[in-house]
């Protein structure tokens, strides 16, 4: 029988030069997107941190970790939205199962 839901976590890095209000808006956008397609277990805002290497000539980024449960098809859609959203520097989604 097919899985009905899976446990996942995502970490994404937002460009810190867009300002605090815009960062909060981007984080809220993804929180509401995940809530609409599953259930959020935890949201951990790591804040501004130094990057291991420069991305687009930037040395810092605003990190957010979200652990959630959703249908197995949702992470592909979430990844697509990460890629087309302005302000997202990097993102990763992994299964916790």
C-alpha atoms as a PDB file:
ATOM      1  CA  UNK A   1       0.000   0.000   0.000  1.00  0.00           C
ATOM      2  CA  UNK A   2       1.245   3.490  -0.876  1.00  0.00           C
ATOM      3  CA  UNK A   3       2.360   5.991   1.741  1.00  0.00           C
ATOM      4  CA  UNK A   4      -0.267   8.567   2.627  1.00  0.00           C
ATOM      5  CA  UNK A   5       2.182  11.050   4.139  1.00  0.00           C
ATOM      6  CA  UNK A   6       5.863  11.468   4.825  1.00  0.00           C
ATOM      7  CA  UNK A   7       8.021  13.473   7.216  1.00  0.00           C
ATOM      8  CA  UNK A   8      10.325  16.057   5.685  1.00  0.00           C
ATOM      9  CA  UNK A   9      12.478  18.989   6.634  1.00  0.00           C
ATOM     10  CA  UNK A  10      13.603  21.928   4.591  1.00  0.00           C
ATOM     11  CA  UNK A  11      16.312  24.514   5.121  1.00  0.00           C
ATOM     12  CA  UNK A  12      16.315  27.622   2.990  1.00  0.00           C
ATOM     13  CA  UNK A  13      18.564  30.656   2.867  1.00  0.00           C
ATOM     14  CA  UNK A  14      17.086  34.078   2.167  1.00  0.00           C
ATOM     15  CA  UNK A  15      19.127  36.977   0.800  1.00  0.00           C
ATOM     16  CA  UNK A  16      19.698  39.284   3.819  1.00  0.00           C
ATOM     17  CA  UNK A  17      19.990  42.446   1.707  1.00  0.00           C
ATOM     18  CA  UNK A  18      16.247  42.498   0.952  1.00  0.00           C
ATOM     19  CA  UNK A  19      15.483  43.764   4.478  1.00  0.00           C
ATOM     20  CA  UNK A  20      13.905  42.340   7.618  1.00  0.00           C
ATOM     21  CA  UNK A  21      10.292  42.847   6.531  1.00  0.00           C
ATOM     22  CA  UNK A  22      10.873  41.144   3.183  1.00  0.00           C
ATOM     23  CA  UNK A  23      12.686  38.239   4.887  1.00  0.00           C
ATOM     24  CA  UNK A  24       9.753  37.796   7.283  1.00  0.00           C
ATOM     25  CA  UNK A  25       7.386  37.901   4.303  1.00  0.00           C
ATOM     26  CA  UNK A  26       9.301  35.180   2.428  1.00  0.00           C
ATOM     27  CA  UNK A  27       9.445  32.942   5.534  1.00  0.00           C
ATOM     28  CA  UNK A  28       5.721  33.457   6.147  1.00  0.00           C
ATOM     29  CA  UNK A  29       4.975  32.645   2.496  1.00  0.00           C
ATOM     30  CA  UNK A  30       6.626  29.240   2.814  1.00  0.00           C
ATOM     31  CA  UNK A  31       5.097  28.549   6.219  1.00  0.00           C
ATOM     32  CA  UNK A  32       1.620  29.157   4.805  1.00  0.00           C
ATOM     33  CA  UNK A  33       2.371  27.100   1.674  1.00  0.00           C
ATOM     34  CA  UNK A  34       3.462  24.139   3.793  1.00  0.00           C
ATOM     35  CA  UNK A  35       0.460  24.555   6.141  1.00  0.00           C
ATOM     36  CA  UNK A  36      -1.878  24.481   3.141  1.00  0.00           C
ATOM     37  CA  UNK A  37      -0.386  21.172   1.935  1.00  0.00           C
ATOM     38  CA  UNK A  38       0.528  19.434   5.186  1.00  0.00           C
ATOM     39  CA  UNK A  39       1.250  20.046   8.857  1.00  0.00           C
ATOM     40  CA  UNK A  40       4.199  21.956  10.294  1.00  0.00           C
ATOM     41  CA  UNK A  41       5.910  20.264  13.227  1.00  0.00           C
ATOM     42  CA  UNK A  42       8.568  22.886  14.032  1.00  0.00           C
ATOM     43  CA  UNK A  43       9.884  26.157  12.636  1.00  0.00           C
ATOM     44  CA  UNK A  44      13.405  27.104  13.683  1.00  0.00           C
ATOM     45  CA  UNK A  45      14.595  30.548  12.602  1.00  0.00           C
ATOM     46  CA  UNK A  46      18.396  30.460  12.743  1.00  0.00           C
ATOM     47  CA  UNK A  47      18.737  34.104  11.704  1.00  0.00           C
ATOM     48  CA  UNK A  48      21.634  35.636   9.817  1.00  0.00           C
ATOM     49  CA  UNK A  49      24.685  33.388   9.542  1.00  0.00           C
ATOM     50  CA  UNK A  50      27.923  33.371   7.631  1.00  0.00           C
ATOM     51  CA  UNK A  51      27.892  31.188   4.513  1.00  0.00           C
ATOM     52  CA  UNK A  52      30.517  28.499   3.959  1.00  0.00           C
ATOM     53  CA  UNK A  53      31.219  30.079   0.572  1.00  0.00           C
ATOM     54  CA  UNK A  54      30.021  33.173  -1.270  1.00  0.00           C
ATOM     55  CA  UNK A  55      26.740  32.963  -3.149  1.00  0.00           C
ATOM     56  CA  UNK A  56      26.125  35.812  -5.592  1.00  0.00           C
ATOM     57  CA  UNK A  57      28.945  37.807  -3.920  1.00  0.00           C
ATOM     58  CA  UNK A  58      27.218  37.581  -0.512  1.00  0.00           C
ATOM     59  CA  UNK A  59      28.921  36.211   2.589  1.00  0.00           C
ATOM     60  CA  UNK A  60      25.810  35.955   4.825  1.00  0.00           C
ATOM     61  CA  UNK A  61      22.303  34.578   4.566  1.00  0.00           C
ATOM     62  CA  UNK A  62      19.170  34.274   6.706  1.00  0.00           C
ATOM     63  CA  UNK A  63      18.565  30.583   7.512  1.00  0.00           C
ATOM     64  CA  UNK A  64      15.210  28.940   8.355  1.00  0.00           C
ATOM     65  CA  UNK A  65      14.540  25.258   9.138  1.00  0.00           C
ATOM     66  CA  UNK A  66      11.008  23.853   8.879  1.00  0.00           C
ATOM     67  CA  UNK A  67      10.068  20.274   9.780  1.00  0.00           C
ATOM     68  CA  UNK A  68       6.755  19.150   8.327  1.00  0.00           C
ATOM     69  CA  UNK A  69       4.583  16.237   7.305  1.00  0.00           C
ATOM     70  CA  UNK A  70       2.904  16.116   3.897  1.00  0.00           C
ATOM     71  CA  UNK A  71       1.939  13.967   0.940  1.00  0.00           C
ATOM     72  CA  UNK A  72       4.956  12.517  -0.920  1.00  0.00           C
ATOM     73  CA  UNK A  73       4.155  14.608  -4.001  1.00  0.00           C
ATOM     74  CA  UNK A  74       4.352  17.980  -2.188  1.00  0.00           C
ATOM     75  CA  UNK A  75       8.172  18.343  -1.772  1.00  0.00           C
ATOM     76  CA  UNK A  76       8.596  18.509  -5.561  1.00  0.00           C
ATOM     77  CA  UNK A  77       6.105  21.402  -5.713  1.00  0.00           C
ATOM     78  CA  UNK A  78       7.790  23.117  -2.751  1.00  0.00           C
ATOM     79  CA  UNK A  79      11.164  22.825  -4.493  1.00  0.00           C
ATOM     80  CA  UNK A  80       9.687  24.351  -7.660  1.00  0.00           C
ATOM     81  CA  UNK A  81       8.364  27.327  -5.676  1.00  0.00           C
ATOM     82  CA  UNK A  82      11.747  27.776  -3.937  1.00  0.00           C
ATOM     83  CA  UNK A  83      13.439  27.989  -7.333  1.00  0.00           C
ATOM     84  CA  UNK A  84      11.119  30.685  -8.707  1.00  0.00           C
ATOM     85  CA  UNK A  85      10.941  32.863  -5.581  1.00  0.00           C
ATOM     86  CA  UNK A  86      13.048  36.025  -5.529  1.00  0.00           C
ATOM     87  CA  UNK A  87      15.242  36.279  -2.460  1.00  0.00           C
ATOM     88  CA  UNK A  88      15.848  32.539  -2.009  1.00  0.00           C
ATOM     89  CA  UNK A  89      19.569  31.881  -2.336  1.00  0.00           C
ATOM     90  CA  UNK A  90      19.604  28.111  -1.630  1.00  0.00           C
ATOM     91  CA  UNK A  91      17.179  25.467  -0.396  1.00  0.00           C
ATOM     92  CA  UNK A  92      17.122  21.765   0.361  1.00  0.00           C
ATOM     93  CA  UNK A  93      14.327  19.353   1.233  1.00  0.00           C
ATOM     94  CA  UNK A  94      15.115  15.981   2.815  1.00  0.00           C
ATOM     95  CA  UNK A  95      12.986  13.059   3.976  1.00  0.00           C
ATOM     96  CA  UNK A  96      13.238  12.247   7.688  1.00  0.00           C
ATOM     97  CA  UNK A  97      11.948   8.686   7.329  1.00  0.00           C
END
